[in-house]
Structures are given as C-alpha cells and as structure tokens.
Amino acid sequence: MTKVMRLNTNDRVELFNGKGGLVEGFIQNIDRTGADFVALENAKLVPPMATQWHVFAAFGTLKEGRVDWLVEKYTELGASSVTPLLTERSPSISDNRFDRLECIIFVASKQCQRLHELTLRPPLKISGLLPLVAQTKLSFIAVAEATPILSALSSLEKESSGLMIIGPEGDFTVKELRMIMEASATAVGLGPHRLRVETSTIAFLSTLMLWSNSEETL
C-alpha cells in the first residue's frame, strides 16, 4: 500500500482476506516495519459471486511458467475453481507445483481485488470427471471443428454456473472425448486455428464469464 501504491497516513483503505471478509478503515501511521490500520467499522462477510464457472484443464505437461501464468489469469477472470485434469496425454502433475500455484492465486487475488480466492482442487482423472458432468446442468468441452461457442450459447438459456473442460496439448483421445460427451457435455469450438492450452482456456473462460454476466443473452 505504501511503497507501490504510495498511500499515506489518513488515506482510506479496504482490507480483505480472500474468504469474503471485508473491513474499511484508514492508515494511521507508517514506519519502516509497516503501517498501522484503524478499522472504521466491524468486518463484514460478502457472499460469493453468483457466477461460478469451474475449470477442468489438462495442463500437467505445460512448463512451469506457462502454468503459473494460466492460473493467474484464471484468478483474474473470475473462475470459481480450477482442477488439473489427468488424461492419457497429460497423466500427472508435480506435487510441488501446488504450493507455488497457491501463492500465485493469493497474489493475483490481491492484485485484482478479488474478495473470494480461486479454489485450486486436487488433480482428477477422467473417471472422476464424468459423474460431475452428468450431475451439472451445463458443461462445455472445447472440441476442434465443433459448433462455435457463440452459436452454441445463443441457443441456450443463460446460466451463471457450470463446468468448462479443456484437453491437453495433443487433445483428448477419441475414447476420452466420447466418454465426456456421453456424460452430457456440450462440444463447442473456439475458432479456426489450433490453440495452445492456455490460449484456449482464456478465450473459453472469458466468453463464458461475459455471457453469464451480460444483461441480455447473446
């Protein structure tokens, strides 16, 4: 607050904890060790956003820097949760990545002033994904040459929550794709070009968030 944003004594600020807790106050004093904050009200609890898209993405084979960037953008764009998806072409994800990704989520939440942090869930196999797809009203999976996502959304009643599924580099196998589609996922296309995992997920999530939060159906 004081070194980057250059706030000074008596400036009003809001503090939040990433769990919905929020309190307003002001900076009373600044010294080398930090700043003293005085609350002007009791802390309040803000409910989570109504828009809750849950991301399942097979990013286990991506290099560390690309995964870091991707999870940061998930946080900024407002995904409710992200689950690393384990597939035949992305069979694992390093355990030591999780502490690093939690730190990235924490920092990104502060930067974008997100009151509820993104939830990072344990890795999940396709067999574990299928029941979730079957139980969710709206689930989308990115598939090359499928109906363009805007066309698919225009024929649906707008929803504020659901699942979005992205395969690994090299895509899902034919068997995996068939199982996910049979569980009731809707295939959507993201354009005419072959996209990297991080590019497709950002385009996918951005479109769903804008659709859910728009006043009118596309």
C-alpha atoms as a PDB file:
ATOM      1  CA  MET A   1       0.000   0.000   0.000  1.00  0.00           C
ATOM      2  CA  THR A   2       2.673   2.485   0.950  1.00  0.00           C
ATOM      3  CA  LYS A   3       5.580   1.513  -1.322  1.00  0.00           C
ATOM      4  CA  VAL A   4       3.789   0.556  -4.533  1.00  0.00           C
ATOM      5  CA  MET A   5       0.521   2.481  -4.351  1.00  0.00           C
ATOM      6  CA  ARG A   6       2.187   5.290  -2.372  1.00  0.00           C
ATOM      7  CA  LEU A   7      -0.664   5.668   0.088  1.00  0.00           C
ATOM      8  CA  ASN A   8      -0.077   7.925   3.058  1.00  0.00           C
ATOM      9  CA  THR A   9      -1.397   8.485   6.569  1.00  0.00           C
ATOM     10  CA  ASN A  10      -5.152   9.143   6.776  1.00  0.00           C
ATOM     11  CA  ASP A  11      -5.776   7.541   3.369  1.00  0.00           C
ATOM     12  CA  ARG A  12      -8.873   5.325   3.347  1.00  0.00           C
ATOM     13  CA  VAL A  13      -8.343   1.645   2.508  1.00  0.00           C
ATOM     14  CA  GLU A  14     -10.257  -1.628   2.488  1.00  0.00           C
ATOM     15  CA  LEU A  15      -8.732  -4.865   3.730  1.00  0.00           C
ATOM     16  CA  PHE A  16      -9.958  -8.288   2.596  1.00  0.00           C
ATOM     17  CA  ASN A  17      -8.898 -11.851   3.346  1.00  0.00           C
ATOM     18  CA  GLY A  18      -9.816 -13.778   0.180  1.00  0.00           C
ATOM     19  CA  LYS A  19     -12.602 -15.598   2.041  1.00  0.00           C
ATOM     20  CA  GLY A  20     -15.233 -12.875   1.689  1.00  0.00           C
ATOM     21  CA  GLY A  21     -14.176 -10.881   4.755  1.00  0.00           C
ATOM     22  CA  LEU A  22     -14.014  -7.095   4.217  1.00  0.00           C
ATOM     23  CA  VAL A  23     -13.325  -4.140   6.508  1.00  0.00           C
ATOM     24  CA  GLU A  24     -12.945  -0.424   5.770  1.00  0.00           C
ATOM     25  CA  GLY A  25     -10.557   1.878   7.624  1.00  0.00           C
ATOM     26  CA  PHE A  26      -7.608   4.235   7.275  1.00  0.00           C
ATOM     27  CA  ILE A  27      -3.828   4.277   7.629  1.00  0.00           C
ATOM     28  CA  GLN A  28      -2.931   5.806  10.990  1.00  0.00           C
ATOM     29  CA  ASN A  29       0.840   5.571  10.911  1.00  0.00           C
ATOM     30  CA  ILE A  30       3.653   4.416   8.581  1.00  0.00           C
ATOM     31  CA  ASP A  31       7.184   3.380   9.557  1.00  0.00           C
ATOM     32  CA  ARG A  32       9.930   1.077   8.254  1.00  0.00           C
ATOM     33  CA  THR A  33       8.244  -2.047   9.566  1.00  0.00           C
ATOM     34  CA  GLY A  34       4.826  -1.434   8.033  1.00  0.00           C
ATOM     35  CA  ALA A  35       1.650   0.541   8.562  1.00  0.00           C
ATOM     36  CA  ASP A  36      -0.920   0.808  11.351  1.00  0.00           C
ATOM     37  CA  PHE A  37      -4.507   0.358  10.197  1.00  0.00           C
ATOM     38  CA  VAL A  38      -7.572   1.596  12.089  1.00  0.00           C
ATOM     39  CA  ALA A  39     -10.909  -0.046  11.287  1.00  0.00           C
ATOM     40  CA  LEU A  40     -13.894   2.284  10.919  1.00  0.00           C
ATOM     41  CA  GLU A  41     -16.464  -0.499  11.072  1.00  0.00           C
ATOM     42  CA  ASN A  42     -16.847  -4.121  12.034  1.00  0.00           C
ATOM     43  CA  ALA A  43     -15.649  -6.627   9.469  1.00  0.00           C
ATOM     44  CA  LYS A  44     -18.405  -7.903   7.190  1.00  0.00           C
ATOM     45  CA  LEU A  45     -18.761 -11.068   5.159  1.00  0.00           C
ATOM     46  CA  VAL A  46     -19.550 -10.620   1.461  1.00  0.00           C
ATOM     47  CA  PRO A  47     -21.278 -13.598  -0.229  1.00  0.00           C
ATOM     48  CA  PRO A  48     -19.572 -15.238  -3.225  1.00  0.00           C
ATOM     49  CA  MET A  49     -20.371 -14.104  -6.748  1.00  0.00           C
ATOM     50  CA  ALA A  50     -23.397 -15.738  -8.359  1.00  0.00           C
ATOM     51  CA  THR A  51     -21.300 -16.501 -11.453  1.00  0.00           C
ATOM     52  CA  GLN A  52     -19.361 -19.685 -10.734  1.00  0.00           C
ATOM     53  CA  TRP A  53     -17.600 -21.457 -13.578  1.00  0.00           C
ATOM     54  CA  HIS A  54     -15.455 -24.422 -12.627  1.00  0.00           C
ATOM     55  CA  VAL A  55     -12.463 -25.136 -14.873  1.00  0.00           C
ATOM     56  CA  PHE A  56     -11.109 -28.615 -15.579  1.00  0.00           C
ATOM     57  CA  ALA A  57      -7.925 -28.297 -17.637  1.00  0.00           C
ATOM     58  CA  ALA A  58      -5.234 -30.824 -18.566  1.00  0.00           C
ATOM     59  CA  PHE A  59      -2.224 -28.547 -18.089  1.00  0.00           C
ATOM     60  CA  GLY A  60       0.086 -31.040 -16.340  1.00  0.00           C
ATOM     61  CA  THR A  61       2.574 -31.200 -19.210  1.00  0.00           C
ATOM     62  CA  LEU A  62       2.941 -27.420 -19.561  1.00  0.00           C
ATOM     63  CA  LYS A  63       6.168 -25.811 -18.422  1.00  0.00           C
ATOM     64  CA  GLU A  64       6.060 -24.167 -15.015  1.00  0.00           C
ATOM     65  CA  GLY A  65       5.999 -20.577 -16.271  1.00  0.00           C
ATOM     66  CA  ARG A  66       3.067 -21.255 -18.581  1.00  0.00           C
ATOM     67  CA  VAL A  67       1.053 -22.897 -15.796  1.00  0.00           C
ATOM     68  CA  ASP A  68       1.817 -20.007 -13.418  1.00  0.00           C
ATOM     69  CA  TRP A  69       0.551 -17.503 -15.989  1.00  0.00           C
ATOM     70  CA  LEU A  70      -2.533 -19.583 -16.718  1.00  0.00           C
ATOM     71  CA  VAL A  71      -3.602 -19.913 -13.081  1.00  0.00           C
ATOM     72  CA  GLU A  72      -3.011 -16.194 -12.552  1.00  0.00           C
ATOM     73  CA  LYS A  73      -5.416 -15.429 -15.421  1.00  0.00           C
ATOM     74  CA  TYR A  74      -7.998 -17.904 -14.119  1.00  0.00           C
ATOM     75  CA  THR A  75      -7.958 -15.893 -10.901  1.00  0.00           C
ATOM     76  CA  GLU A  76      -8.223 -12.506 -12.597  1.00  0.00           C
ATOM     77  CA  LEU A  77     -11.054 -13.585 -14.902  1.00  0.00           C
ATOM     78  CA  GLY A  78     -13.141 -14.907 -12.012  1.00  0.00           C
ATOM     79  CA  ALA A  79     -13.152 -18.702 -12.301  1.00  0.00           C
ATOM     80  CA  SER A  80     -14.638 -20.244  -9.166  1.00  0.00           C
ATOM     81  CA  SER A  81     -12.282 -23.223  -9.103  1.00  0.00           C
ATOM     82  CA  VAL A  82      -9.665 -24.957 -11.228  1.00  0.00           C
ATOM     83  CA  THR A  83      -8.914 -28.676 -11.277  1.00  0.00           C
ATOM     84  CA  PRO A  84      -5.898 -30.190 -13.060  1.00  0.00           C
ATOM     85  CA  LEU A  85      -7.310 -32.888 -15.300  1.00  0.00           C
ATOM     86  CA  LEU A  86      -5.308 -36.110 -15.702  1.00  0.00           C
ATOM     87  CA  THR A  87      -5.610 -37.696 -19.140  1.00  0.00           C
ATOM     88  CA  GLU A  88      -3.747 -40.243 -21.260  1.00  0.00           C
ATOM     89  CA  ARG A  89      -1.724 -37.416 -22.823  1.00  0.00           C
ATOM     90  CA  SER A  90      -1.320 -35.467 -19.571  1.00  0.00           C
ATOM     91  CA  PRO A  91      -1.125 -38.231 -16.963  1.00  0.00           C
ATOM     92  CA  SER A  92       0.350 -36.365 -13.996  1.00  0.00           C
ATOM     93  CA  ILE A  93       1.187 -33.048 -12.392  1.00  0.00           C
ATOM     94  CA  SER A  94       4.052 -32.429  -9.990  1.00  0.00           C
ATOM     95  CA  ASP A  95       3.048 -32.242  -6.318  1.00  0.00           C
ATOM     96  CA  ASN A  96       5.500 -29.414  -5.648  1.00  0.00           C
ATOM     97  CA  ARG A  97       3.628 -27.190  -8.087  1.00  0.00           C
ATOM     98  CA  PHE A  98       0.655 -26.847  -5.771  1.00  0.00           C
ATOM     99  CA  ASP A  99       2.302 -24.673  -3.107  1.00  0.00           C
ATOM    100  CA  ARG A 100       3.593 -22.383  -5.846  1.00  0.00           C
ATOM    101  CA  LEU A 101       0.178 -22.152  -7.517  1.00  0.00           C
ATOM    102  CA  GLU A 102      -1.496 -21.357  -4.186  1.00  0.00           C
ATOM    103  CA  CYS A 103       0.923 -18.438  -3.766  1.00  0.00           C
ATOM    104  CA  ILE A 104       0.168 -17.221  -7.288  1.00  0.00           C
ATOM    105  CA  ILE A 105      -3.574 -17.343  -6.583  1.00  0.00           C
ATOM    106  CA  PHE A 106      -3.050 -15.383  -3.355  1.00  0.00           C
ATOM    107  CA  VAL A 107      -1.029 -12.639  -5.046  1.00  0.00           C
ATOM    108  CA  ALA A 108      -3.363 -12.440  -8.060  1.00  0.00           C
ATOM    109  CA  SER A 109      -6.395 -12.181  -5.762  1.00  0.00           C
ATOM    110  CA  LYS A 110      -4.858  -9.171  -4.037  1.00  0.00           C
ATOM    111  CA  GLN A 111      -3.866  -7.541  -7.310  1.00  0.00           C
ATOM    112  CA  CYS A 112      -7.351  -7.780  -8.837  1.00  0.00           C
ATOM    113  CA  GLN A 113      -9.138  -7.143  -5.514  1.00  0.00           C
ATOM    114  CA  ARG A 114     -10.944 -10.449  -5.606  1.00  0.00           C
ATOM    115  CA  LEU A 115     -12.844 -10.976  -2.350  1.00  0.00           C
ATOM    116  CA  HIS A 116     -13.105 -14.755  -2.770  1.00  0.00           C
ATOM    117  CA  GLU A 117      -9.973 -16.587  -3.864  1.00  0.00           C
ATOM    118  CA  LEU A 118      -9.976 -19.126  -6.667  1.00  0.00           C
ATOM    119  CA  THR A 119     -10.106 -22.673  -5.273  1.00  0.00           C
ATOM    120  CA  LEU A 120      -7.338 -24.984  -6.512  1.00  0.00           C
ATOM    121  CA  ARG A 121      -8.621 -28.558  -6.347  1.00  0.00           C
ATOM    122  CA  PRO A 122      -6.628 -31.834  -6.369  1.00  0.00           C
ATOM    123  CA  PRO A 123      -5.932 -33.475  -9.757  1.00  0.00           C
ATOM    124  CA  LEU A 124      -8.776 -35.526 -11.176  1.00  0.00           C
ATOM    125  CA  LYS A 125      -8.898 -38.407 -13.646  1.00  0.00           C
ATOM    126  CA  ILE A 126     -11.460 -38.603 -16.440  1.00  0.00           C
ATOM    127  CA  SER A 127     -13.326 -41.278 -14.471  1.00  0.00           C
ATOM    128  CA  GLY A 128     -13.819 -38.764 -11.655  1.00  0.00           C
ATOM    129  CA  LEU A 129     -14.935 -36.020 -14.031  1.00  0.00           C
ATOM    130  CA  LEU A 130     -17.739 -37.996 -15.656  1.00  0.00           C
ATOM    131  CA  PRO A 131     -20.140 -38.007 -12.633  1.00  0.00           C
ATOM    132  CA  LEU A 132     -19.649 -34.247 -12.218  1.00  0.00           C
ATOM    133  CA  VAL A 133     -20.552 -33.639 -15.862  1.00  0.00           C
ATOM    134  CA  ALA A 134     -23.617 -35.868 -15.540  1.00  0.00           C
ATOM    135  CA  GLN A 135     -24.806 -34.001 -12.438  1.00  0.00           C
ATOM    136  CA  THR A 136     -24.214 -30.467 -13.770  1.00  0.00           C
ATOM    137  CA  LYS A 137     -26.857 -28.664 -15.799  1.00  0.00           C
ATOM    138  CA  LEU A 138     -24.377 -27.062 -18.192  1.00  0.00           C
ATOM    139  CA  SER A 139     -20.953 -28.454 -19.092  1.00  0.00           C
ATOM    140  CA  PHE A 140     -18.875 -27.384 -22.098  1.00  0.00           C
ATOM    141  CA  ILE A 141     -15.885 -29.098 -23.657  1.00  0.00           C
ATOM    142  CA  ALA A 142     -13.616 -27.448 -26.223  1.00  0.00           C
ATOM    143  CA  VAL A 143     -13.513 -29.536 -29.399  1.00  0.00           C
ATOM    144  CA  ALA A 144     -11.924 -28.610 -32.712  1.00  0.00           C
ATOM    145  CA  GLU A 145     -14.450 -28.023 -35.521  1.00  0.00           C
ATOM    146  CA  ALA A 146     -17.425 -28.176 -33.119  1.00  0.00           C
ATOM    147  CA  THR A 147     -20.220 -25.589 -33.218  1.00  0.00           C
ATOM    148  CA  PRO A 148     -18.681 -22.142 -32.483  1.00  0.00           C
ATOM    149  CA  ILE A 149     -19.173 -21.244 -28.854  1.00  0.00           C
ATOM    150  CA  LEU A 150     -21.182 -18.074 -29.551  1.00  0.00           C
ATOM    151  CA  SER A 151     -23.584 -20.018 -31.756  1.00  0.00           C
ATOM    152  CA  ALA A 152     -23.959 -22.679 -29.057  1.00  0.00           C
ATOM    153  CA  LEU A 153     -24.619 -20.098 -26.345  1.00  0.00           C
ATOM    154  CA  SER A 154     -27.207 -18.245 -28.432  1.00  0.00           C
ATOM    155  CA  SER A 155     -29.462 -21.302 -28.353  1.00  0.00           C
ATOM    156  CA  LEU A 156     -29.212 -21.786 -24.581  1.00  0.00           C
ATOM    157  CA  GLU A 157     -30.892 -20.140 -21.641  1.00  0.00           C
ATOM    158  CA  LYS A 158     -28.262 -18.130 -19.800  1.00  0.00           C
ATOM    159  CA  GLU A 159     -26.718 -19.822 -16.758  1.00  0.00           C
ATOM    160  CA  SER A 160     -24.449 -18.393 -14.077  1.00  0.00           C
ATOM    161  CA  SER A 161     -22.575 -21.597 -13.306  1.00  0.00           C
ATOM    162  CA  GLY A 162     -21.287 -24.769 -14.886  1.00  0.00           C
ATOM    163  CA  LEU A 163     -18.187 -26.664 -15.995  1.00  0.00           C
ATOM    164  CA  MET A 164     -15.690 -25.911 -18.756  1.00  0.00           C
ATOM    165  CA  ILE A 165     -13.320 -28.651 -19.884  1.00  0.00           C
ATOM    166  CA  ILE A 166     -10.049 -28.232 -21.771  1.00  0.00           C
ATOM    167  CA  GLY A 167      -7.888 -31.100 -23.003  1.00  0.00           C
ATOM    168  CA  PRO A 168      -4.090 -31.374 -23.058  1.00  0.00           C
ATOM    169  CA  GLU A 169      -1.709 -30.416 -25.827  1.00  0.00           C
ATOM    170  CA  GLY A 170      -2.430 -33.179 -28.320  1.00  0.00           C
ATOM    171  CA  ASP A 171      -6.107 -33.121 -27.230  1.00  0.00           C
ATOM    172  CA  PHE A 172      -8.208 -35.841 -25.649  1.00  0.00           C
ATOM    173  CA  THR A 173      -8.109 -39.329 -27.096  1.00  0.00           C
ATOM    174  CA  VAL A 174     -11.154 -40.438 -29.088  1.00  0.00           C
ATOM    175  CA  LYS A 175     -12.210 -42.669 -26.184  1.00  0.00           C
ATOM    176  CA  GLU A 176     -11.911 -39.867 -23.594  1.00  0.00           C
ATOM    177  CA  LEU A 177     -13.848 -37.432 -25.736  1.00  0.00           C
ATOM    178  CA  ARG A 178     -16.609 -39.965 -26.338  1.00  0.00           C
ATOM    179  CA  MET A 179     -16.974 -40.679 -22.601  1.00  0.00           C
ATOM    180  CA  ILE A 180     -17.183 -36.983 -21.714  1.00  0.00           C
ATOM    181  CA  MET A 181     -19.709 -36.296 -24.464  1.00  0.00           C
ATOM    182  CA  GLU A 182     -21.822 -39.275 -23.410  1.00  0.00           C
ATOM    183  CA  ALA A 183     -21.880 -37.868 -19.861  1.00  0.00           C
ATOM    184  CA  SER A 184     -23.784 -34.872 -21.381  1.00  0.00           C
ATOM    185  CA  ALA A 185     -21.039 -32.289 -22.057  1.00  0.00           C
ATOM    186  CA  THR A 186     -21.713 -29.891 -24.948  1.00  0.00           C
ATOM    187  CA  ALA A 187     -18.904 -29.600 -27.512  1.00  0.00           C
ATOM    188  CA  VAL A 188     -18.007 -26.045 -28.578  1.00  0.00           C
ATOM    189  CA  GLY A 189     -15.421 -24.654 -30.973  1.00  0.00           C
ATOM    190  CA  LEU A 190     -13.078 -21.761 -30.205  1.00  0.00           C
ATOM    191  CA  GLY A 191     -12.172 -20.676 -33.724  1.00  0.00           C
ATOM    192  CA  PRO A 192     -10.470 -21.969 -36.860  1.00  0.00           C
ATOM    193  CA  HIS A 193      -6.910 -22.131 -35.501  1.00  0.00           C
ATOM    194  CA  ARG A 194      -5.141 -24.707 -33.355  1.00  0.00           C
ATOM    195  CA  LEU A 195      -4.693 -23.086 -29.932  1.00  0.00           C
ATOM    196  CA  ARG A 196      -2.329 -23.706 -27.043  1.00  0.00           C
ATOM    197  CA  VAL A 197      -3.915 -24.892 -23.805  1.00  0.00           C
ATOM    198  CA  GLU A 198      -3.521 -21.501 -22.128  1.00  0.00           C
ATOM    199  CA  THR A 199      -4.876 -19.579 -25.128  1.00  0.00           C
ATOM    200  CA  SER A 200      -7.954 -21.764 -25.470  1.00  0.00           C
ATOM    201  CA  THR A 201      -8.761 -21.670 -21.753  1.00  0.00           C
ATOM    202  CA  ILE A 202      -8.533 -17.878 -21.562  1.00  0.00           C
ATOM    203  CA  ALA A 203     -10.739 -17.457 -24.647  1.00  0.00           C
ATOM    204  CA  PHE A 204     -13.168 -20.066 -23.308  1.00  0.00           C
ATOM    205  CA  LEU A 205     -13.429 -18.673 -19.773  1.00  0.00           C
ATOM    206  CA  SER A 206     -13.651 -15.040 -20.922  1.00  0.00           C
ATOM    207  CA  THR A 207     -16.565 -15.872 -23.208  1.00  0.00           C
ATOM    208  CA  LEU A 208     -18.468 -17.781 -20.510  1.00  0.00           C
ATOM    209  CA  MET A 209     -17.935 -15.089 -17.881  1.00  0.00           C
ATOM    210  CA  LEU A 210     -19.120 -12.333 -20.245  1.00  0.00           C
ATOM    211  CA  TRP A 211     -22.121 -14.442 -21.271  1.00  0.00           C
ATOM    212  CA  SER A 212     -23.123 -15.193 -17.668  1.00  0.00           C
ATOM    213  CA  ASN A 213     -22.760 -11.571 -16.578  1.00  0.00           C
ATOM    214  CA  SER A 214     -24.396  -9.936 -19.607  1.00  0.00           C
ATOM    215  CA  GLU A 215     -27.808  -8.336 -19.224  1.00  0.00           C
ATOM    216  CA  GLU A 216     -29.096  -9.963 -22.374  1.00  0.00           C
ATOM    217  CA  THR A 217     -28.497 -13.372 -23.888  1.00  0.00           C
ATOM    218  CA  LEU A 218     -26.077 -13.306 -26.826  1.00  0.00           C
END
